[in-house]
Amino acid sequence: MQKQGKKIAVISGGAGGLGSSAALKLAELEYYPILLDRDDGAGEKTSAALLAAGFESEFYCVELASEQQVAEAFAKILTGHERVDALVNLAGGTFHKKRIQDLALGE
């Protein structure tokens, strides 16, 4: 299936177990999945699995704790697609024992 005419879904942590499952489900729902993950090998594997299932996707190897890398990835996404219709945040956890709203960017 082609990306033309589909909604754009960005999945942070998109190469992990939950992320790859979410990407497949979104692709089945006619979204074009864009995966962000720091694990290059897993990202390529997830993209290949999506392609084998008949779905195109994009993968960006990004350290999601880096504000600069995230900004650069979104700049590329918006240049290429002009919008993001859905954002799914499944990236990693935290070693800190704080509520998420109390964390600073990069913690």
PDB file of N, CA and C in Angstrom:
ATOM      1  N   MET A   1       0.835  -1.184   0.000  1.00  0.00           N
ATOM      2  CA  MET A   1       0.000   0.000   0.000  1.00  0.00           C
ATOM      3  C   MET A   1       0.879   1.246   0.000  1.00  0.00           C
ATOM      4  N   GLN A   2       0.449   2.268  -0.669  1.00  0.00           N
ATOM      5  CA  GLN A   2       1.193   3.505  -0.791  1.00  0.00           C
ATOM      6  C   GLN A   2       0.807   4.461   0.330  1.00  0.00           C
ATOM      7  N   LYS A   3       1.702   5.437   0.594  1.00  0.00           N
ATOM      8  CA  LYS A   3       1.451   6.406   1.656  1.00  0.00           C
ATOM      9  C   LYS A   3       0.512   7.525   1.221  1.00  0.00           C
ATOM     10  N   GLN A   4       0.372   7.734  -0.073  1.00  0.00           N
ATOM     11  CA  GLN A   4      -0.436   8.823  -0.582  1.00  0.00           C
ATOM     12  C   GLN A   4      -1.865   8.721  -0.065  1.00  0.00           C
ATOM     13  N   GLY A   5      -2.358   9.812   0.492  1.00  0.00           N
ATOM     14  CA  GLY A   5      -3.729   9.867   0.970  1.00  0.00           C
ATOM     15  C   GLY A   5      -3.939   9.295   2.360  1.00  0.00           C
ATOM     16  N   LYS A   6      -2.891   8.791   2.983  1.00  0.00           N
ATOM     17  CA  LYS A   6      -3.029   8.209   4.316  1.00  0.00           C
ATOM     18  C   LYS A   6      -2.716   9.241   5.387  1.00  0.00           C
ATOM     19  N   LYS A   7      -3.245   9.026   6.555  1.00  0.00           N
ATOM     20  CA  LYS A   7      -2.881   9.848   7.702  1.00  0.00           C
ATOM     21  C   LYS A   7      -1.477   9.445   8.156  1.00  0.00           C
ATOM     22  N   ILE A   8      -0.748  10.400   8.707  1.00  0.00           N
ATOM     23  CA  ILE A   8       0.627  10.187   9.134  1.00  0.00           C
ATOM     24  C   ILE A   8       0.646   9.936  10.640  1.00  0.00           C
ATOM     25  N   ALA A   9       1.215   8.792  11.038  1.00  0.00           N
ATOM     26  CA  ALA A   9       1.341   8.443  12.457  1.00  0.00           C
ATOM     27  C   ALA A   9       2.820   8.321  12.801  1.00  0.00           C
ATOM     28  N   VAL A  10       3.262   9.078  13.803  1.00  0.00           N
ATOM     29  CA  VAL A  10       4.632   8.997  14.290  1.00  0.00           C
ATOM     30  C   VAL A  10       4.612   8.195  15.584  1.00  0.00           C
ATOM     31  N   ILE A  11       5.469   7.164  15.644  1.00  0.00           N
ATOM     32  CA  ILE A  11       5.516   6.286  16.807  1.00  0.00           C
ATOM     33  C   ILE A  11       6.909   6.357  17.408  1.00  0.00           C
ATOM     34  N   SER A  12       7.033   7.014  18.570  1.00  0.00           N
ATOM     35  CA  SER A  12       8.320   7.029  19.259  1.00  0.00           C
ATOM     36  C   SER A  12       8.456   5.713  20.016  1.00  0.00           C
ATOM     37  N   GLY A  13       9.659   5.148  19.983  1.00  0.00           N
ATOM     38  CA  GLY A  13       9.829   3.805  20.510  1.00  0.00           C
ATOM     39  C   GLY A  13       9.218   2.795  19.548  1.00  0.00           C
ATOM     40  N   GLY A  14       9.167   3.154  18.270  1.00  0.00           N
ATOM     41  CA  GLY A  14       8.461   2.372  17.263  1.00  0.00           C
ATOM     42  C   GLY A  14       9.116   1.058  16.882  1.00  0.00           C
ATOM     43  N   ALA A  15      10.333   0.805  17.351  1.00  0.00           N
ATOM     44  CA  ALA A  15      11.015  -0.442  16.998  1.00  0.00           C
ATOM     45  C   ALA A  15      10.906  -1.498  18.082  1.00  0.00           C
ATOM     46  N   GLY A  16      10.384  -1.139  19.235  1.00  0.00           N
ATOM     47  CA  GLY A  16      10.228  -2.104  20.319  1.00  0.00           C
ATOM     48  C   GLY A  16       8.994  -2.965  20.106  1.00  0.00           C
ATOM     49  N   GLY A  17       8.750  -3.851  21.036  1.00  0.00           N
ATOM     50  CA  GLY A  17       7.614  -4.763  20.924  1.00  0.00           C
ATOM     51  C   GLY A  17       6.284  -4.057  20.808  1.00  0.00           C
ATOM     52  N   LEU A  18       5.998  -3.147  21.731  1.00  0.00           N
ATOM     53  CA  LEU A  18       4.741  -2.399  21.670  1.00  0.00           C
ATOM     54  C   LEU A  18       4.717  -1.469  20.477  1.00  0.00           C
ATOM     55  N   GLY A  19       5.849  -0.831  20.204  1.00  0.00           N
ATOM     56  CA  GLY A  19       5.925   0.110  19.087  1.00  0.00           C
ATOM     57  C   GLY A  19       5.692  -0.556  17.748  1.00  0.00           C
ATOM     58  N   SER A  20       6.320  -1.707  17.541  1.00  0.00           N
ATOM     59  CA  SER A  20       6.137  -2.399  16.261  1.00  0.00           C
ATOM     60  C   SER A  20       4.708  -2.912  16.122  1.00  0.00           C
ATOM     61  N   SER A  21       4.113  -3.358  17.211  1.00  0.00           N
ATOM     62  CA  SER A  21       2.710  -3.800  17.172  1.00  0.00           C
ATOM     63  C   SER A  21       1.781  -2.623  16.870  1.00  0.00           C
ATOM     64  N   ALA A  22       2.054  -1.483  17.496  1.00  0.00           N
ATOM     65  CA  ALA A  22       1.243  -0.288  17.236  1.00  0.00           C
ATOM     66  C   ALA A  22       1.393   0.150  15.785  1.00  0.00           C
ATOM     67  N   ALA A  23       2.623   0.095  15.256  1.00  0.00           N
ATOM     68  CA  ALA A  23       2.857   0.486  13.862  1.00  0.00           C
ATOM     69  C   ALA A  23       2.070  -0.404  12.909  1.00  0.00           C
ATOM     70  N   LEU A  24       2.078  -1.705  13.151  1.00  0.00           N
ATOM     71  CA  LEU A  24       1.334  -2.626  12.301  1.00  0.00           C
ATOM     72  C   LEU A  24      -0.162  -2.352  12.377  1.00  0.00           C
ATOM     73  N   LYS A  25      -0.674  -2.153  13.575  1.00  0.00           N
ATOM     74  CA  LYS A  25      -2.110  -1.891  13.729  1.00  0.00           C
ATOM     75  C   LYS A  25      -2.504  -0.590  13.044  1.00  0.00           C
ATOM     76  N   LEU A  26      -1.679   0.449  13.209  1.00  0.00           N
ATOM     77  CA  LEU A  26      -1.974   1.720  12.555  1.00  0.00           C
ATOM     78  C   LEU A  26      -1.921   1.575  11.032  1.00  0.00           C
ATOM     79  N   ALA A  27      -0.953   0.806  10.538  1.00  0.00           N
ATOM     80  CA  ALA A  27      -0.866   0.566   9.099  1.00  0.00           C
ATOM     81  C   ALA A  27      -2.128  -0.142   8.604  1.00  0.00           C
ATOM     82  N   GLU A  28      -2.613  -1.100   9.381  1.00  0.00           N
ATOM     83  CA  GLU A  28      -3.851  -1.804   9.019  1.00  0.00           C
ATOM     84  C   GLU A  28      -5.045  -0.855   9.003  1.00  0.00           C
ATOM     85  N   LEU A  29      -4.973   0.188   9.835  1.00  0.00           N
ATOM     86  CA  LEU A  29      -6.041   1.191   9.892  1.00  0.00           C
ATOM     87  C   LEU A  29      -5.821   2.318   8.873  1.00  0.00           C
ATOM     88  N   GLU A  30      -4.904   2.071   7.939  1.00  0.00           N
ATOM     89  CA  GLU A  30      -4.599   2.960   6.828  1.00  0.00           C
ATOM     90  C   GLU A  30      -3.871   4.239   7.221  1.00  0.00           C
ATOM     91  N   TYR A  31      -3.057   4.152   8.254  1.00  0.00           N
ATOM     92  CA  TYR A  31      -2.109   5.212   8.582  1.00  0.00           C
ATOM     93  C   TYR A  31      -0.770   4.858   7.937  1.00  0.00           C
ATOM     94  N   TYR A  32       0.041   5.866   7.700  1.00  0.00           N
ATOM     95  CA  TYR A  32       1.405   5.670   7.231  1.00  0.00           C
ATOM     96  C   TYR A  32       2.306   5.800   8.458  1.00  0.00           C
ATOM     97  N   PRO A  33       2.898   4.696   8.943  1.00  0.00           N
ATOM     98  CA  PRO A  33       3.688   4.761  10.178  1.00  0.00           C
ATOM     99  C   PRO A  33       5.100   5.290   9.938  1.00  0.00           C
ATOM    100  N   ILE A  34       5.490   6.209  10.804  1.00  0.00           N
ATOM    101  CA  ILE A  34       6.857   6.720  10.835  1.00  0.00           C
ATOM    102  C   ILE A  34       7.412   6.362  12.201  1.00  0.00           C
ATOM    103  N   LEU A  35       8.446   5.538  12.203  1.00  0.00           N
ATOM    104  CA  LEU A  35       9.015   5.007  13.437  1.00  0.00           C
ATOM    105  C   LEU A  35      10.207   5.838  13.878  1.00  0.00           C
ATOM    106  N   LEU A  36      10.252   6.173  15.152  1.00  0.00           N
ATOM    107  CA  LEU A  36      11.407   6.820  15.761  1.00  0.00           C
ATOM    108  C   LEU A  36      11.919   5.898  16.854  1.00  0.00           C
ATOM    109  N   ASP A  37      13.205   5.576  16.815  1.00  0.00           N
ATOM    110  CA  ASP A  37      13.772   4.702  17.840  1.00  0.00           C
ATOM    111  C   ASP A  37      15.286   4.846  17.800  1.00  0.00           C
ATOM    112  N   ARG A  38      15.933   4.603  18.922  1.00  0.00           N
ATOM    113  CA  ARG A  38      17.397   4.698  18.950  1.00  0.00           C
ATOM    114  C   ARG A  38      18.077   3.405  18.512  1.00  0.00           C
ATOM    115  N   ASP A  39      17.314   2.332  18.390  1.00  0.00           N
ATOM    116  CA  ASP A  39      17.867   1.032  17.994  1.00  0.00           C
ATOM    117  C   ASP A  39      17.747   0.871  16.482  1.00  0.00           C
ATOM    118  N   ASP A  40      18.853   1.166  15.792  1.00  0.00           N
ATOM    119  CA  ASP A  40      18.856   1.149  14.331  1.00  0.00           C
ATOM    120  C   ASP A  40      18.489  -0.226  13.768  1.00  0.00           C
ATOM    121  N   GLY A  41      19.077  -1.278  14.320  1.00  0.00           N
ATOM    122  CA  GLY A  41      18.809  -2.630  13.834  1.00  0.00           C
ATOM    123  C   GLY A  41      17.348  -3.021  14.005  1.00  0.00           C
ATOM    124  N   ALA A  42      16.788  -2.729  15.161  1.00  0.00           N
ATOM    125  CA  ALA A  42      15.383  -3.055  15.420  1.00  0.00           C
ATOM    126  C   ALA A  42      14.456  -2.222  14.538  1.00  0.00           C
ATOM    127  N   GLY A  43      14.842  -0.976  14.289  1.00  0.00           N
ATOM    128  CA  GLY A  43      14.034  -0.123  13.418  1.00  0.00           C
ATOM    129  C   GLY A  43      13.989  -0.642  12.000  1.00  0.00           C
ATOM    130  N   GLU A  44      15.145  -1.064  11.497  1.00  0.00           N
ATOM    131  CA  GLU A  44      15.189  -1.625  10.148  1.00  0.00           C
ATOM    132  C   GLU A  44      14.394  -2.929  10.082  1.00  0.00           C
ATOM    133  N   LYS A  45      14.478  -3.733  11.135  1.00  0.00           N
ATOM    134  CA  LYS A  45      13.735  -5.001  11.187  1.00  0.00           C
ATOM    135  C   LYS A  45      12.223  -4.746  11.198  1.00  0.00           C
ATOM    136  N   THR A  46      11.797  -3.759  11.968  1.00  0.00           N
ATOM    137  CA  THR A  46      10.370  -3.434  12.028  1.00  0.00           C
ATOM    138  C   THR A  46       9.880  -2.907  10.686  1.00  0.00           C
ATOM    139  N   SER A  47      10.673  -2.050  10.048  1.00  0.00           N
ATOM    140  CA  SER A  47      10.307  -1.539   8.730  1.00  0.00           C
ATOM    141  C   SER A  47      10.198  -2.681   7.721  1.00  0.00           C
ATOM    142  N   ALA A  48      11.131  -3.633   7.785  1.00  0.00           N
ATOM    143  CA  ALA A  48      11.099  -4.785   6.880  1.00  0.00           C
ATOM    144  C   ALA A  48       9.869  -5.646   7.136  1.00  0.00           C
ATOM    145  N   ALA A  49       9.502  -5.819   8.406  1.00  0.00           N
ATOM    146  CA  ALA A  49       8.308  -6.608   8.737  1.00  0.00           C
ATOM    147  C   ALA A  49       7.045  -5.923   8.227  1.00  0.00           C
ATOM    148  N   LEU A  50       6.994  -4.602   8.336  1.00  0.00           N
ATOM    149  CA  LEU A  50       5.852  -3.868   7.805  1.00  0.00           C
ATOM    150  C   LEU A  50       5.773  -4.024   6.288  1.00  0.00           C
ATOM    151  N   LEU A  51       6.912  -3.927   5.629  1.00  0.00           N
ATOM    152  CA  LEU A  51       6.938  -4.077   4.177  1.00  0.00           C
ATOM    153  C   LEU A  51       6.501  -5.483   3.763  1.00  0.00           C
ATOM    154  N   ALA A  52       6.956  -6.492   4.502  1.00  0.00           N
ATOM    155  CA  ALA A  52       6.560  -7.875   4.209  1.00  0.00           C
ATOM    156  C   ALA A  52       5.052  -8.075   4.369  1.00  0.00           C
ATOM    157  N   ALA A  53       4.450  -7.263   5.263  1.00  0.00           N
ATOM    158  CA  ALA A  53       2.996  -7.334   5.465  1.00  0.00           C
ATOM    159  C   ALA A  53       2.243  -6.469   4.451  1.00  0.00           C
ATOM    160  N   GLY A  54       2.994  -5.784   3.574  1.00  0.00           N
ATOM    161  CA  GLY A  54       2.358  -4.985   2.534  1.00  0.00           C
ATOM    162  C   GLY A  54       2.225  -3.511   2.846  1.00  0.00           C
ATOM    163  N   PHE A  55       2.963  -3.023   3.853  1.00  0.00           N
ATOM    164  CA  PHE A  55       2.839  -1.631   4.274  1.00  0.00           C
ATOM    165  C   PHE A  55       4.172  -0.905   4.177  1.00  0.00           C
ATOM    166  N   GLU A  56       4.147   0.288   3.610  1.00  0.00           N
ATOM    167  CA  GLU A  56       5.318   1.144   3.604  1.00  0.00           C
ATOM    168  C   GLU A  56       5.413   1.858   4.941  1.00  0.00           C
ATOM    169  N   SER A  57       6.639   2.258   5.292  1.00  0.00           N
ATOM    170  CA  SER A  57       6.863   3.018   6.514  1.00  0.00           C
ATOM    171  C   SER A  57       8.169   3.777   6.364  1.00  0.00           C
ATOM    172  N   GLU A  58       8.462   4.591   7.341  1.00  0.00           N
ATOM    173  CA  GLU A  58       9.754   5.268   7.425  1.00  0.00           C
ATOM    174  C   GLU A  58      10.315   5.009   8.810  1.00  0.00           C
ATOM    175  N   PHE A  59      11.644   4.999   8.885  1.00  0.00           N
ATOM    176  CA  PHE A  59      12.305   4.831  10.174  1.00  0.00           C
ATOM    177  C   PHE A  59      13.396   5.880  10.305  1.00  0.00           C
ATOM    178  N   TYR A  60      13.430   6.538  11.467  1.00  0.00           N
ATOM    179  CA  TYR A  60      14.489   7.478  11.806  1.00  0.00           C
ATOM    180  C   TYR A  60      15.154   7.004  13.088  1.00  0.00           C
ATOM    181  N   CYS A  61      16.460   6.810  13.015  1.00  0.00           N
ATOM    182  CA  CYS A  61      17.228   6.438  14.202  1.00  0.00           C
ATOM    183  C   CYS A  61      17.467   7.717  15.004  1.00  0.00           C
ATOM    184  N   VAL A  62      16.819   7.815  16.154  1.00  0.00           N
ATOM    185  CA  VAL A  62      16.823   9.043  16.949  1.00  0.00           C
ATOM    186  C   VAL A  62      16.997   8.682  18.422  1.00  0.00           C
ATOM    187  N   GLU A  63      17.882   9.387  19.091  1.00  0.00           N
ATOM    188  CA  GLU A  63      17.967   9.289  20.552  1.00  0.00           C
ATOM    189  C   GLU A  63      16.868  10.208  21.080  1.00  0.00           C
ATOM    190  N   LEU A  64      15.799   9.616  21.572  1.00  0.00           N
ATOM    191  CA  LEU A  64      14.618  10.385  21.937  1.00  0.00           C
ATOM    192  C   LEU A  64      14.812  11.246  23.180  1.00  0.00           C
ATOM    193  N   ALA A  65      15.896  11.049  23.902  1.00  0.00           N
ATOM    194  CA  ALA A  65      16.209  11.917  25.036  1.00  0.00           C
ATOM    195  C   ALA A  65      16.948  13.170  24.580  1.00  0.00           C
ATOM    196  N   SER A  66      17.271  13.260  23.286  1.00  0.00           N
ATOM    197  CA  SER A  66      17.968  14.414  22.732  1.00  0.00           C
ATOM    198  C   SER A  66      16.970  15.346  22.059  1.00  0.00           C
ATOM    199  N   GLU A  67      16.775  16.508  22.658  1.00  0.00           N
ATOM    200  CA  GLU A  67      15.837  17.477  22.098  1.00  0.00           C
ATOM    201  C   GLU A  67      16.233  17.843  20.665  1.00  0.00           C
ATOM    202  N   GLN A  68      17.515  17.981  20.408  1.00  0.00           N
ATOM    203  CA  GLN A  68      17.991  18.349  19.076  1.00  0.00           C
ATOM    204  C   GLN A  68      17.674  17.256  18.053  1.00  0.00           C
ATOM    205  N   GLN A  69      17.930  15.987  18.398  1.00  0.00           N
ATOM    206  CA  GLN A  69      17.651  14.907  17.457  1.00  0.00           C
ATOM    207  C   GLN A  69      16.158  14.764  17.175  1.00  0.00           C
ATOM    208  N   VAL A  70      15.354  14.943  18.193  1.00  0.00           N
ATOM    209  CA  VAL A  70      13.904  14.868  18.004  1.00  0.00           C
ATOM    210  C   VAL A  70      13.432  16.007  17.102  1.00  0.00           C
ATOM    211  N   ALA A  71      13.935  17.217  17.354  1.00  0.00           N
ATOM    212  CA  ALA A  71      13.565  18.369  16.523  1.00  0.00           C
ATOM    213  C   ALA A  71      13.980  18.147  15.076  1.00  0.00           C
ATOM    214  N   GLU A  72      15.172  17.606  14.854  1.00  0.00           N
ATOM    215  CA  GLU A  72      15.642  17.341  13.498  1.00  0.00           C
ATOM    216  C   GLU A  72      14.767  16.296  12.801  1.00  0.00           C
ATOM    217  N   ALA A  73      14.397  15.252  13.530  1.00  0.00           N
ATOM    218  CA  ALA A  73      13.540  14.215  12.953  1.00  0.00           C
ATOM    219  C   ALA A  73      12.180  14.792  12.560  1.00  0.00           C
ATOM    220  N   PHE A  74      11.585  15.593  13.447  1.00  0.00           N
ATOM    221  CA  PHE A  74      10.279  16.173  13.133  1.00  0.00           C
ATOM    222  C   PHE A  74      10.371  17.188  12.005  1.00  0.00           C
ATOM    223  N   ALA A  75      11.490  17.892  11.897  1.00  0.00           N
ATOM    224  CA  ALA A  75      11.672  18.812  10.768  1.00  0.00           C
ATOM    225  C   ALA A  75      11.661  18.030   9.450  1.00  0.00           C
ATOM    226  N   LYS A  76      12.340  16.882   9.417  1.00  0.00           N
ATOM    227  CA  LYS A  76      12.349  16.037   8.218  1.00  0.00           C
ATOM    228  C   LYS A  76      10.948  15.504   7.918  1.00  0.00           C
ATOM    229  N   ILE A  77      10.273  15.053   8.959  1.00  0.00           N
ATOM    230  CA  ILE A  77       8.922  14.505   8.779  1.00  0.00           C
ATOM    231  C   ILE A  77       7.982  15.576   8.222  1.00  0.00           C
ATOM    232  N   LEU A  78       8.026  16.772   8.821  1.00  0.00           N
ATOM    233  CA  LEU A  78       7.125  17.840   8.375  1.00  0.00           C
ATOM    234  C   LEU A  78       7.492  18.354   6.988  1.00  0.00           C
ATOM    235  N   THR A  79       8.766  18.335   6.651  1.00  0.00           N
ATOM    236  CA  THR A  79       9.172  18.711   5.293  1.00  0.00           C
ATOM    237  C   THR A  79       8.626  17.706   4.280  1.00  0.00           C
ATOM    238  N   GLY A  80       8.702  16.451   4.618  1.00  0.00           N
ATOM    239  CA  GLY A  80       8.259  15.410   3.698  1.00  0.00           C
ATOM    240  C   GLY A  80       6.758  15.200   3.640  1.00  0.00           C
ATOM    241  N   HIS A  81       6.069  15.456   4.747  1.00  0.00           N
ATOM    242  CA  HIS A  81       4.641  15.117   4.820  1.00  0.00           C
ATOM    243  C   HIS A  81       3.740  16.293   5.159  1.00  0.00           C
ATOM    244  N   GLU A  82       4.306  17.376   5.631  1.00  0.00           N
ATOM    245  CA  GLU A  82       3.594  18.615   5.958  1.00  0.00           C
ATOM    246  C   GLU A  82       2.674  18.537   7.169  1.00  0.00           C
ATOM    247  N   ARG A  83       2.569  17.367   7.775  1.00  0.00           N
ATOM    248  CA  ARG A  83       1.681  17.251   8.939  1.00  0.00           C
ATOM    249  C   ARG A  83       1.965  15.953   9.677  1.00  0.00           C
ATOM    250  N   VAL A  84       1.445  15.875  10.891  1.00  0.00           N
ATOM    251  CA  VAL A  84       1.406  14.635  11.675  1.00  0.00           C
ATOM    252  C   VAL A  84      -0.022  14.526  12.184  1.00  0.00           C
ATOM    253  N   ASP A  85      -0.676  13.408  11.884  1.00  0.00           N
ATOM    254  CA  ASP A  85      -2.069  13.225  12.284  1.00  0.00           C
ATOM    255  C   ASP A  85      -2.212  12.501  13.621  1.00  0.00           C
ATOM    256  N   ALA A  86      -1.223  11.665  13.947  1.00  0.00           N
ATOM    257  CA  ALA A  86      -1.276  10.922  15.206  1.00  0.00           C
ATOM    258  C   ALA A  86       0.143  10.775  15.740  1.00  0.00           C
ATOM    259  N   LEU A  87       0.268  10.885  17.045  1.00  0.00           N
ATOM    260  CA  LEU A  87       1.553  10.708  17.715  1.00  0.00           C
ATOM    261  C   LEU A  87       1.368   9.693  18.830  1.00  0.00           C
ATOM    262  N   VAL A  88       2.161   8.614  18.768  1.00  0.00           N
ATOM    263  CA  VAL A  88       2.088   7.554  19.762  1.00  0.00           C
ATOM    264  C   VAL A  88       3.438   7.504  20.467  1.00  0.00           C
ATOM    265  N   ASN A  89       3.456   7.753  21.762  1.00  0.00           N
ATOM    266  CA  ASN A  89       4.705   7.776  22.515  1.00  0.00           C
ATOM    267  C   ASN A  89       4.848   6.483  23.313  1.00  0.00           C
ATOM    268  N   LEU A  90       5.730   5.606  22.815  1.00  0.00           N
ATOM    269  CA  LEU A  90       5.980   4.332  23.487  1.00  0.00           C
ATOM    270  C   LEU A  90       7.458   4.167  23.825  1.00  0.00           C
ATOM    271  N   ALA A  91       8.197   5.253  23.792  1.00  0.00           N
ATOM    272  CA  ALA A  91       9.637   5.190  24.043  1.00  0.00           C
ATOM    273  C   ALA A  91       9.919   4.889  25.504  1.00  0.00           C
ATOM    274  N   GLY A  92      10.831   3.932  25.716  1.00  0.00           N
ATOM    275  CA  GLY A  92      11.413   3.569  26.999  1.00  0.00           C
ATOM    276  C   GLY A  92      10.673   3.958  28.257  1.00  0.00           C
ATOM    277  N   GLY A  93      11.280   3.676  29.340  1.00  0.00           N
ATOM    278  CA  GLY A  93      10.732   4.036  30.636  1.00  0.00           C
ATOM    279  C   GLY A  93      11.636   5.035  31.301  1.00  0.00           C
ATOM    280  N   THR A  94      11.661   4.993  32.588  1.00  0.00           N
ATOM    281  CA  THR A  94      12.514   5.904  33.337  1.00  0.00           C
ATOM    282  C   THR A  94      13.112   5.170  34.526  1.00  0.00           C
ATOM    283  N   PHE A  95      14.306   5.540  34.858  1.00  0.00           N
ATOM    284  CA  PHE A  95      14.945   5.010  36.054  1.00  0.00           C
ATOM    285  C   PHE A  95      14.628   5.895  37.258  1.00  0.00           C
ATOM    286  N   HIS A  96      14.019   7.034  36.986  1.00  0.00           N
ATOM    287  CA  HIS A  96      13.713   8.003  38.039  1.00  0.00           C
ATOM    288  C   HIS A  96      12.376   7.659  38.678  1.00  0.00           C
ATOM    289  N   LYS A  97      12.283   7.876  39.933  1.00  0.00           N
ATOM    290  CA  LYS A  97      11.030   7.614  40.647  1.00  0.00           C
ATOM    291  C   LYS A  97      10.270   8.927  40.802  1.00  0.00           C
ATOM    292  N   LYS A  98       9.835   9.461  39.664  1.00  0.00           N
ATOM    293  CA  LYS A  98       9.088  10.709  39.650  1.00  0.00           C
ATOM    294  C   LYS A  98       7.862  10.529  38.774  1.00  0.00           C
ATOM    295  N   ARG A  99       6.867  11.372  39.013  1.00  0.00           N
ATOM    296  CA  ARG A  99       5.734  11.405  38.110  1.00  0.00           C
ATOM    297  C   ARG A  99       6.211  12.007  36.789  1.00  0.00           C
ATOM    298  N   ILE A 100       5.624  11.570  35.694  1.00  0.00           N
ATOM    299  CA  ILE A 100       6.081  12.010  34.380  1.00  0.00           C
ATOM    300  C   ILE A 100       6.042  13.528  34.233  1.00  0.00           C
ATOM    301  N   GLN A 101       5.057  14.180  34.789  1.00  0.00           N
ATOM    302  CA  GLN A 101       4.948  15.620  34.672  1.00  0.00           C
ATOM    303  C   GLN A 101       6.040  16.362  35.459  1.00  0.00           C
ATOM    304  N   ASP A 102       6.738  15.653  36.365  1.00  0.00           N
ATOM    305  CA  ASP A 102       7.810  16.271  37.128  1.00  0.00           C
ATOM    306  C   ASP A 102       9.188  16.065  36.495  1.00  0.00           C
ATOM    307  N   LEU A 103       9.265  15.338  35.398  1.00  0.00           N
ATOM    308  CA  LEU A 103      10.537  15.086  34.727  1.00  0.00           C
ATOM    309  C   LEU A 103      10.904  16.235  33.804  1.00  0.00           C
ATOM    310  N   ALA A 104      12.183  16.577  33.790  1.00  0.00           N
ATOM    311  CA  ALA A 104      12.681  17.545  32.814  1.00  0.00           C
ATOM    312  C   ALA A 104      13.001  16.790  31.524  1.00  0.00           C
ATOM    313  N   LEU A 105      12.954  17.493  30.396  1.00  0.00           N
ATOM    314  CA  LEU A 105      13.300  16.885  29.116  1.00  0.00           C
ATOM    315  C   LEU A 105      14.708  16.296  29.216  1.00  0.00           C
ATOM    316  N   GLY A 106      14.867  15.048  28.783  1.00  0.00           N
ATOM    317  CA  GLY A 106      16.174  14.413  28.803  1.00  0.00           C
ATOM    318  C   GLY A 106      16.416  13.544  30.023  1.00  0.00           C
ATOM    319  N   GLU A 107      15.545  13.580  31.021  1.00  0.00           N
ATOM    320  CA  GLU A 107      15.741  12.725  32.206  1.00  0.00           C
ATOM    321  C   GLU A 107      15.372  11.311  31.886  1.00  0.00           C
TER     322      GLU A 107
END
